[in-house]
Amino acid sequence: MKKIKLQVWSLLNSLGLGGIVQLFLEGALKNYGWFRSYHTKQSVDAEGQPIPWYNYSFIFFLEPRLKPHFEVFEYGSGYSTRWYARRVKGITAVEHDEGWVEQVAPQLPANARVLYRALDEGEAYTGAVAEASQKYHIVIVDGRRRVQCIRRGVEYLTPDGVLILDNSERDFYQEGIRLLKEKGFRQLEIRGMVPITSHDSCTSVFYRESNCLDI
């Protein structure tokens, strides 16, 4: 049996397939749930539980730093909204796609809600962060009009609050990044592979001293 296994692996390696098969059988991508996410086209972990569509490295960095008393606001919604809701006191998300809101809303627990705000209604979308007249420990910018969302969202952070910007490597978000740095925020960039697709991406957290994530 051992000889047969060695022959099979020798054949796979000669075809350039050994590494792929090894990852599928027992590797980081399998343990992360990447193969499951790829085949289902859903941002889920190995057990099928929802995870944010961030790179895995950032998820591993962020999860142990979340605290049960956190209030979170999210531009964009989906599996990430459900993931945060299991770990924080409350999360409010805003979404520009009414059809997507109808899919997401029924899946949310009691401590989470998603608002529909059309992009063509002035600042209804970018200004949704102000509607509850409260401050948030985390503001996540992962939807549309991200520079404008950064500009509005940063004003509604708690004194120890942080702002998370997904896909922060993109050139057209640099204006927002400059704005945050001018306000005294430091940037921590974390890059890695993301669920569902084969490409990598960068997610950044912007923080000040004595921040809620203890960075």
C-alpha atoms as a PDB file:
ATOM      1  CA  MET A   1       0.000   0.000   0.000  1.00  0.00           C
ATOM      2  CA  LYS A   2       2.786   2.400   0.911  1.00  0.00           C
ATOM      3  CA  LYS A   3       4.502   1.715  -2.400  1.00  0.00           C
ATOM      4  CA  ILE A   4       1.277   2.460  -4.292  1.00  0.00           C
ATOM      5  CA  LYS A   5       0.834   5.741  -2.421  1.00  0.00           C
ATOM      6  CA  LEU A   6       4.381   6.755  -3.271  1.00  0.00           C
ATOM      7  CA  GLN A   7       3.768   5.938  -6.918  1.00  0.00           C
ATOM      8  CA  VAL A   8       0.560   7.982  -6.958  1.00  0.00           C
ATOM      9  CA  TRP A   9       2.267  10.970  -5.355  1.00  0.00           C
ATOM     10  CA  SER A  10       5.178  10.635  -7.755  1.00  0.00           C
ATOM     11  CA  LEU A  11       2.753  10.739 -10.687  1.00  0.00           C
ATOM     12  CA  LEU A  12       0.861  13.723  -9.265  1.00  0.00           C
ATOM     13  CA  ASN A  13       4.094  15.627  -8.639  1.00  0.00           C
ATOM     14  CA  SER A  14       5.322  14.891 -12.144  1.00  0.00           C
ATOM     15  CA  LEU A  15       2.085  16.420 -13.473  1.00  0.00           C
ATOM     16  CA  GLY A  16       2.447  19.461 -11.201  1.00  0.00           C
ATOM     17  CA  LEU A  17      -0.660  18.495  -9.231  1.00  0.00           C
ATOM     18  CA  GLY A  18       0.876  17.235  -6.002  1.00  0.00           C
ATOM     19  CA  GLY A  19       0.738  20.560  -4.179  1.00  0.00           C
ATOM     20  CA  ILE A  20      -2.886  21.166  -5.112  1.00  0.00           C
ATOM     21  CA  VAL A  21      -3.969  17.722  -3.974  1.00  0.00           C
ATOM     22  CA  GLN A  22      -2.039  18.081  -0.707  1.00  0.00           C
ATOM     23  CA  LEU A  23      -3.732  21.399   0.042  1.00  0.00           C
ATOM     24  CA  PHE A  24      -7.125  19.836  -0.620  1.00  0.00           C
ATOM     25  CA  LEU A  25      -6.459  16.798   1.562  1.00  0.00           C
ATOM     26  CA  GLU A  26      -4.778  18.509   4.502  1.00  0.00           C
ATOM     27  CA  GLY A  27      -3.585  22.068   4.232  1.00  0.00           C
ATOM     28  CA  ALA A  28      -4.214  25.608   5.376  1.00  0.00           C
ATOM     29  CA  LEU A  29      -6.745  26.344   2.640  1.00  0.00           C
ATOM     30  CA  LYS A  30      -8.817  23.316   3.635  1.00  0.00           C
ATOM     31  CA  ASN A  31      -8.632  24.245   7.312  1.00  0.00           C
ATOM     32  CA  TYR A  32      -9.649  27.830   6.562  1.00  0.00           C
ATOM     33  CA  GLY A  33     -12.627  26.588   4.551  1.00  0.00           C
ATOM     34  CA  TRP A  34     -11.378  28.082   1.280  1.00  0.00           C
ATOM     35  CA  PHE A  35     -12.333  25.065  -0.830  1.00  0.00           C
ATOM     36  CA  ARG A  36     -15.816  25.097   0.651  1.00  0.00           C
ATOM     37  CA  SER A  37     -16.173  28.816  -0.023  1.00  0.00           C
ATOM     38  CA  TYR A  38     -14.900  28.377  -3.576  1.00  0.00           C
ATOM     39  CA  HIS A  39     -17.385  25.625  -4.436  1.00  0.00           C
ATOM     40  CA  THR A  40     -20.384  27.242  -2.716  1.00  0.00           C
ATOM     41  CA  LYS A  41     -19.470  30.808  -3.778  1.00  0.00           C
ATOM     42  CA  GLN A  42     -20.191  31.896  -0.214  1.00  0.00           C
ATOM     43  CA  SER A  43     -17.875  33.478   2.329  1.00  0.00           C
ATOM     44  CA  VAL A  44     -17.917  30.665   4.891  1.00  0.00           C
ATOM     45  CA  ASP A  45     -15.418  28.781   7.021  1.00  0.00           C
ATOM     46  CA  ALA A  46     -14.723  25.042   7.039  1.00  0.00           C
ATOM     47  CA  GLU A  47     -17.912  24.395   9.040  1.00  0.00           C
ATOM     48  CA  GLY A  48     -20.044  26.505   6.719  1.00  0.00           C
ATOM     49  CA  GLN A  49     -20.348  29.395   9.186  1.00  0.00           C
ATOM     50  CA  PRO A  50     -20.356  32.947   7.759  1.00  0.00           C
ATOM     51  CA  ILE A  51     -17.132  34.951   7.773  1.00  0.00           C
ATOM     52  CA  PRO A  52     -16.321  38.402   6.386  1.00  0.00           C
ATOM     53  CA  TRP A  53     -15.016  38.581   2.841  1.00  0.00           C
ATOM     54  CA  TYR A  54     -11.681  39.872   4.204  1.00  0.00           C
ATOM     55  CA  ASN A  55      -8.386  38.101   3.737  1.00  0.00           C
ATOM     56  CA  TYR A  56      -7.892  35.246   6.179  1.00  0.00           C
ATOM     57  CA  SER A  57      -4.903  36.890   7.861  1.00  0.00           C
ATOM     58  CA  PHE A  58      -7.001  39.904   8.815  1.00  0.00           C
ATOM     59  CA  ILE A  59      -9.839  37.740  10.127  1.00  0.00           C
ATOM     60  CA  PHE A  60      -7.399  35.855  12.366  1.00  0.00           C
ATOM     61  CA  PHE A  61      -5.958  39.172  13.563  1.00  0.00           C
ATOM     62  CA  LEU A  62      -9.325  40.783  14.274  1.00  0.00           C
ATOM     63  CA  GLU A  63     -11.457  38.036  15.819  1.00  0.00           C
ATOM     64  CA  PRO A  64      -9.707  37.682  19.212  1.00  0.00           C
ATOM     65  CA  ARG A  65      -9.715  41.483  19.625  1.00  0.00           C
ATOM     66  CA  LEU A  66     -13.476  41.921  19.349  1.00  0.00           C
ATOM     67  CA  LYS A  67     -15.246  42.504  22.666  1.00  0.00           C
ATOM     68  CA  PRO A  68     -18.859  41.818  23.712  1.00  0.00           C
ATOM     69  CA  HIS A  69     -19.619  45.481  24.459  1.00  0.00           C
ATOM     70  CA  PHE A  70     -18.628  46.778  21.005  1.00  0.00           C
ATOM     71  CA  GLU A  71     -21.068  48.709  18.852  1.00  0.00           C
ATOM     72  CA  VAL A  72     -20.283  48.395  15.143  1.00  0.00           C
ATOM     73  CA  PHE A  73     -21.384  50.211  11.994  1.00  0.00           C
ATOM     74  CA  GLU A  74     -20.832  48.667   8.596  1.00  0.00           C
ATOM     75  CA  TYR A  75     -21.008  50.165   5.110  1.00  0.00           C
ATOM     76  CA  GLY A  76     -21.951  47.114   3.067  1.00  0.00           C
ATOM     77  CA  SER A  77     -23.636  44.028   4.477  1.00  0.00           C
ATOM     78  CA  GLY A  78     -23.781  40.271   4.196  1.00  0.00           C
ATOM     79  CA  TYR A  79     -22.013  37.363   5.830  1.00  0.00           C
ATOM     80  CA  SER A  80     -19.762  39.774   7.681  1.00  0.00           C
ATOM     81  CA  THR A  81     -22.802  41.320   9.394  1.00  0.00           C
ATOM     82  CA  ARG A  82     -23.793  37.924  10.780  1.00  0.00           C
ATOM     83  CA  TRP A  83     -20.199  37.190  11.802  1.00  0.00           C
ATOM     84  CA  TYR A  84     -19.847  40.431  13.773  1.00  0.00           C
ATOM     85  CA  ALA A  85     -23.277  39.992  15.354  1.00  0.00           C
ATOM     86  CA  ARG A  86     -22.114  36.781  17.049  1.00  0.00           C
ATOM     87  CA  ARG A  87     -19.194  38.594  18.648  1.00  0.00           C
ATOM     88  CA  VAL A  88     -20.313  42.137  19.579  1.00  0.00           C
ATOM     89  CA  LYS A  89     -23.184  43.878  21.358  1.00  0.00           C
ATOM     90  CA  GLY A  90     -24.745  45.298  18.238  1.00  0.00           C
ATOM     91  CA  ILE A  91     -24.143  46.001  14.566  1.00  0.00           C
ATOM     92  CA  THR A  92     -25.932  48.257  12.100  1.00  0.00           C
ATOM     93  CA  ALA A  93     -25.211  47.942   8.391  1.00  0.00           C
ATOM     94  CA  VAL A  94     -26.285  50.052   5.431  1.00  0.00           C
ATOM     95  CA  GLU A  95     -26.780  48.643   1.956  1.00  0.00           C
ATOM     96  CA  HIS A  96     -27.534  50.294  -1.397  1.00  0.00           C
ATOM     97  CA  ASP A  97     -29.069  47.201  -3.022  1.00  0.00           C
ATOM     98  CA  GLU A  98     -32.677  46.708  -1.939  1.00  0.00           C
ATOM     99  CA  GLY A  99     -32.816  43.153  -3.258  1.00  0.00           C
ATOM    100  CA  TRP A 100     -29.741  42.218  -1.251  1.00  0.00           C
ATOM    101  CA  VAL A 101     -31.260  43.762   1.889  1.00  0.00           C
ATOM    102  CA  GLU A 102     -34.304  41.523   1.433  1.00  0.00           C
ATOM    103  CA  GLN A 103     -31.996  38.495   1.398  1.00  0.00           C
ATOM    104  CA  VAL A 104     -29.760  39.550   4.275  1.00  0.00           C
ATOM    105  CA  ALA A 105     -32.301  40.950   6.748  1.00  0.00           C
ATOM    106  CA  PRO A 106     -34.181  37.692   7.526  1.00  0.00           C
ATOM    107  CA  GLN A 107     -30.892  35.961   8.412  1.00  0.00           C
ATOM    108  CA  LEU A 108     -29.805  38.509  11.001  1.00  0.00           C
ATOM    109  CA  PRO A 109     -30.090  37.956  14.775  1.00  0.00           C
ATOM    110  CA  ALA A 110     -31.810  40.419  17.092  1.00  0.00           C
ATOM    111  CA  ASN A 111     -28.679  42.488  17.726  1.00  0.00           C
ATOM    112  CA  ALA A 112     -28.142  43.243  14.038  1.00  0.00           C
ATOM    113  CA  ARG A 113     -30.013  45.251  11.452  1.00  0.00           C
ATOM    114  CA  VAL A 114     -29.468  46.345   7.869  1.00  0.00           C
ATOM    115  CA  LEU A 115     -30.769  49.606   6.409  1.00  0.00           C
ATOM    116  CA  TYR A 116     -31.596  50.189   2.767  1.00  0.00           C
ATOM    117  CA  ARG A 117     -30.434  53.590   1.550  1.00  0.00           C
ATOM    118  CA  ALA A 118     -30.362  54.326  -2.174  1.00  0.00           C
ATOM    119  CA  LEU A 119     -27.234  55.888  -3.658  1.00  0.00           C
ATOM    120  CA  ASP A 120     -29.263  58.411  -5.656  1.00  0.00           C
ATOM    121  CA  GLU A 121     -30.864  59.953  -2.557  1.00  0.00           C
ATOM    122  CA  GLY A 122     -28.211  62.546  -1.739  1.00  0.00           C
ATOM    123  CA  GLU A 123     -26.178  61.536   1.308  1.00  0.00           C
ATOM    124  CA  ALA A 124     -28.689  58.996   2.595  1.00  0.00           C
ATOM    125  CA  TYR A 125     -26.192  56.149   2.166  1.00  0.00           C
ATOM    126  CA  THR A 126     -22.995  57.804   3.359  1.00  0.00           C
ATOM    127  CA  GLY A 127     -24.852  59.618   6.142  1.00  0.00           C
ATOM    128  CA  ALA A 128     -26.586  56.528   7.543  1.00  0.00           C
ATOM    129  CA  VAL A 129     -23.911  56.300  10.227  1.00  0.00           C
ATOM    130  CA  ALA A 130     -25.375  59.445  11.824  1.00  0.00           C
ATOM    131  CA  GLU A 131     -28.973  58.266  12.039  1.00  0.00           C
ATOM    132  CA  ALA A 132     -28.790  56.670  15.491  1.00  0.00           C
ATOM    133  CA  SER A 133     -26.957  59.637  17.029  1.00  0.00           C
ATOM    134  CA  GLN A 134     -24.405  57.362  18.641  1.00  0.00           C
ATOM    135  CA  LYS A 135     -20.703  56.563  18.401  1.00  0.00           C
ATOM    136  CA  TYR A 136     -19.238  53.238  17.324  1.00  0.00           C
ATOM    137  CA  HIS A 137     -16.199  51.276  18.406  1.00  0.00           C
ATOM    138  CA  ILE A 138     -15.708  50.073  14.843  1.00  0.00           C
ATOM    139  CA  VAL A 139     -16.780  51.589  11.547  1.00  0.00           C
ATOM    140  CA  ILE A 140     -16.274  49.260   8.584  1.00  0.00           C
ATOM    141  CA  VAL A 141     -16.018  50.700   5.087  1.00  0.00           C
ATOM    142  CA  ASP A 142     -16.673  47.885   2.634  1.00  0.00           C
ATOM    143  CA  GLY A 143     -19.435  49.133   0.372  1.00  0.00           C
ATOM    144  CA  ARG A 144     -19.906  51.895  -2.182  1.00  0.00           C
ATOM    145  CA  ARG A 145     -18.507  55.460  -2.163  1.00  0.00           C
ATOM    146  CA  ARG A 146     -15.783  54.466   0.243  1.00  0.00           C
ATOM    147  CA  VAL A 147     -13.923  57.761   0.388  1.00  0.00           C
ATOM    148  CA  GLN A 148     -17.128  59.604   1.290  1.00  0.00           C
ATOM    149  CA  CYS A 149     -17.977  56.882   3.810  1.00  0.00           C
ATOM    150  CA  ILE A 150     -14.569  57.297   5.435  1.00  0.00           C
ATOM    151  CA  ARG A 151     -15.143  61.031   5.654  1.00  0.00           C
ATOM    152  CA  ARG A 152     -18.512  60.581   7.403  1.00  0.00           C
ATOM    153  CA  GLY A 153     -17.761  57.445   9.373  1.00  0.00           C
ATOM    154  CA  VAL A 154     -14.650  58.726  11.120  1.00  0.00           C
ATOM    155  CA  GLU A 155     -16.739  61.404  12.830  1.00  0.00           C
ATOM    156  CA  TYR A 156     -18.823  58.744  14.583  1.00  0.00           C
ATOM    157  CA  LEU A 157     -16.086  56.738  16.239  1.00  0.00           C
ATOM    158  CA  THR A 158     -15.761  56.465  19.988  1.00  0.00           C
ATOM    159  CA  PRO A 159     -12.553  58.038  21.389  1.00  0.00           C
ATOM    160  CA  ASP A 160     -10.923  54.590  21.228  1.00  0.00           C
ATOM    161  CA  GLY A 161     -12.668  53.618  17.989  1.00  0.00           C
ATOM    162  CA  VAL A 162     -11.079  52.213  14.844  1.00  0.00           C
ATOM    163  CA  LEU A 163     -11.989  52.273  11.178  1.00  0.00           C
ATOM    164  CA  ILE A 164     -11.576  49.206   8.955  1.00  0.00           C
ATOM    165  CA  LEU A 165     -11.141  49.682   5.193  1.00  0.00           C
ATOM    166  CA  ASP A 166     -11.299  46.605   3.004  1.00  0.00           C
ATOM    167  CA  ASN A 167      -9.420  46.451  -0.317  1.00  0.00           C
ATOM    168  CA  SER A 168      -7.232  49.292   0.923  1.00  0.00           C
ATOM    169  CA  GLU A 169      -4.630  48.578  -1.772  1.00  0.00           C
ATOM    170  CA  ARG A 170      -6.847  50.174  -4.430  1.00  0.00           C
ATOM    171  CA  ASP A 171      -5.595  53.497  -5.756  1.00  0.00           C
ATOM    172  CA  PHE A 172      -8.989  55.208  -5.697  1.00  0.00           C
ATOM    173  CA  TYR A 173      -9.254  54.855  -1.900  1.00  0.00           C
ATOM    174  CA  GLN A 174      -5.985  56.683  -1.217  1.00  0.00           C
ATOM    175  CA  GLU A 175      -7.730  60.023  -0.721  1.00  0.00           C
ATOM    176  CA  GLY A 176      -9.637  58.543   2.191  1.00  0.00           C
ATOM    177  CA  ILE A 177      -6.471  57.021   3.629  1.00  0.00           C
ATOM    178  CA  ARG A 178      -4.722  60.397   3.482  1.00  0.00           C
ATOM    179  CA  LEU A 179      -7.668  61.973   5.290  1.00  0.00           C
ATOM    180  CA  LEU A 180      -7.422  59.454   8.127  1.00  0.00           C
ATOM    181  CA  LYS A 181      -3.691  59.968   8.495  1.00  0.00           C
ATOM    182  CA  GLU A 182      -4.178  63.730   8.592  1.00  0.00           C
ATOM    183  CA  LYS A 183      -6.534  63.160  11.516  1.00  0.00           C
ATOM    184  CA  GLY A 184      -3.814  61.304  13.382  1.00  0.00           C
ATOM    185  CA  PHE A 185      -4.726  57.703  12.614  1.00  0.00           C
ATOM    186  CA  ARG A 186      -2.062  55.091  12.081  1.00  0.00           C
ATOM    187  CA  GLN A 187      -2.533  52.410   9.438  1.00  0.00           C
ATOM    188  CA  LEU A 188      -1.958  48.693   9.896  1.00  0.00           C
ATOM    189  CA  GLU A 189      -2.120  46.850   6.569  1.00  0.00           C
ATOM    190  CA  ILE A 190      -2.699  43.106   6.450  1.00  0.00           C
ATOM    191  CA  ARG A 191      -2.612  41.254   3.138  1.00  0.00           C
ATOM    192  CA  GLY A 192      -3.563  37.703   2.298  1.00  0.00           C
ATOM    193  CA  MET A 193      -5.781  35.340   0.357  1.00  0.00           C
ATOM    194  CA  VAL A 194      -9.538  35.810   0.516  1.00  0.00           C
ATOM    195  CA  PRO A 195     -12.439  33.331   0.515  1.00  0.00           C
ATOM    196  CA  ILE A 196     -14.213  32.312  -2.714  1.00  0.00           C
ATOM    197  CA  THR A 197     -11.608  33.623  -5.177  1.00  0.00           C
ATOM    198  CA  SER A 198      -7.949  32.845  -5.799  1.00  0.00           C
ATOM    199  CA  HIS A 199      -6.605  36.371  -5.462  1.00  0.00           C
ATOM    200  CA  ASP A 200      -5.230  38.206  -2.455  1.00  0.00           C
ATOM    201  CA  SER A 201      -6.279  41.550  -1.023  1.00  0.00           C
ATOM    202  CA  CYS A 202      -5.322  44.042   1.671  1.00  0.00           C
ATOM    203  CA  THR A 203      -7.475  45.115   4.598  1.00  0.00           C
ATOM    204  CA  SER A 204      -6.354  48.018   6.776  1.00  0.00           C
ATOM    205  CA  VAL A 205      -7.306  49.081  10.267  1.00  0.00           C
ATOM    206  CA  PHE A 206      -6.834  52.734  11.194  1.00  0.00           C
ATOM    207  CA  TYR A 207      -6.272  53.360  14.881  1.00  0.00           C
ATOM    208  CA  ARG A 208      -4.995  55.829  17.456  1.00  0.00           C
ATOM    209  CA  GLU A 209      -3.280  55.249  20.778  1.00  0.00           C
ATOM    210  CA  SER A 210      -5.377  53.520  23.454  1.00  0.00           C
ATOM    211  CA  ASN A 211      -7.627  52.001  20.808  1.00  0.00           C
ATOM    212  CA  CYS A 212     -10.329  49.412  21.448  1.00  0.00           C
ATOM    213  CA  LEU A 213      -8.422  46.651  19.616  1.00  0.00           C
ATOM    214  CA  ASP A 214      -5.352  47.061  21.839  1.00  0.00           C
ATOM    215  CA  ILE A 215      -3.032  47.523  18.895  1.00  0.00           C
END
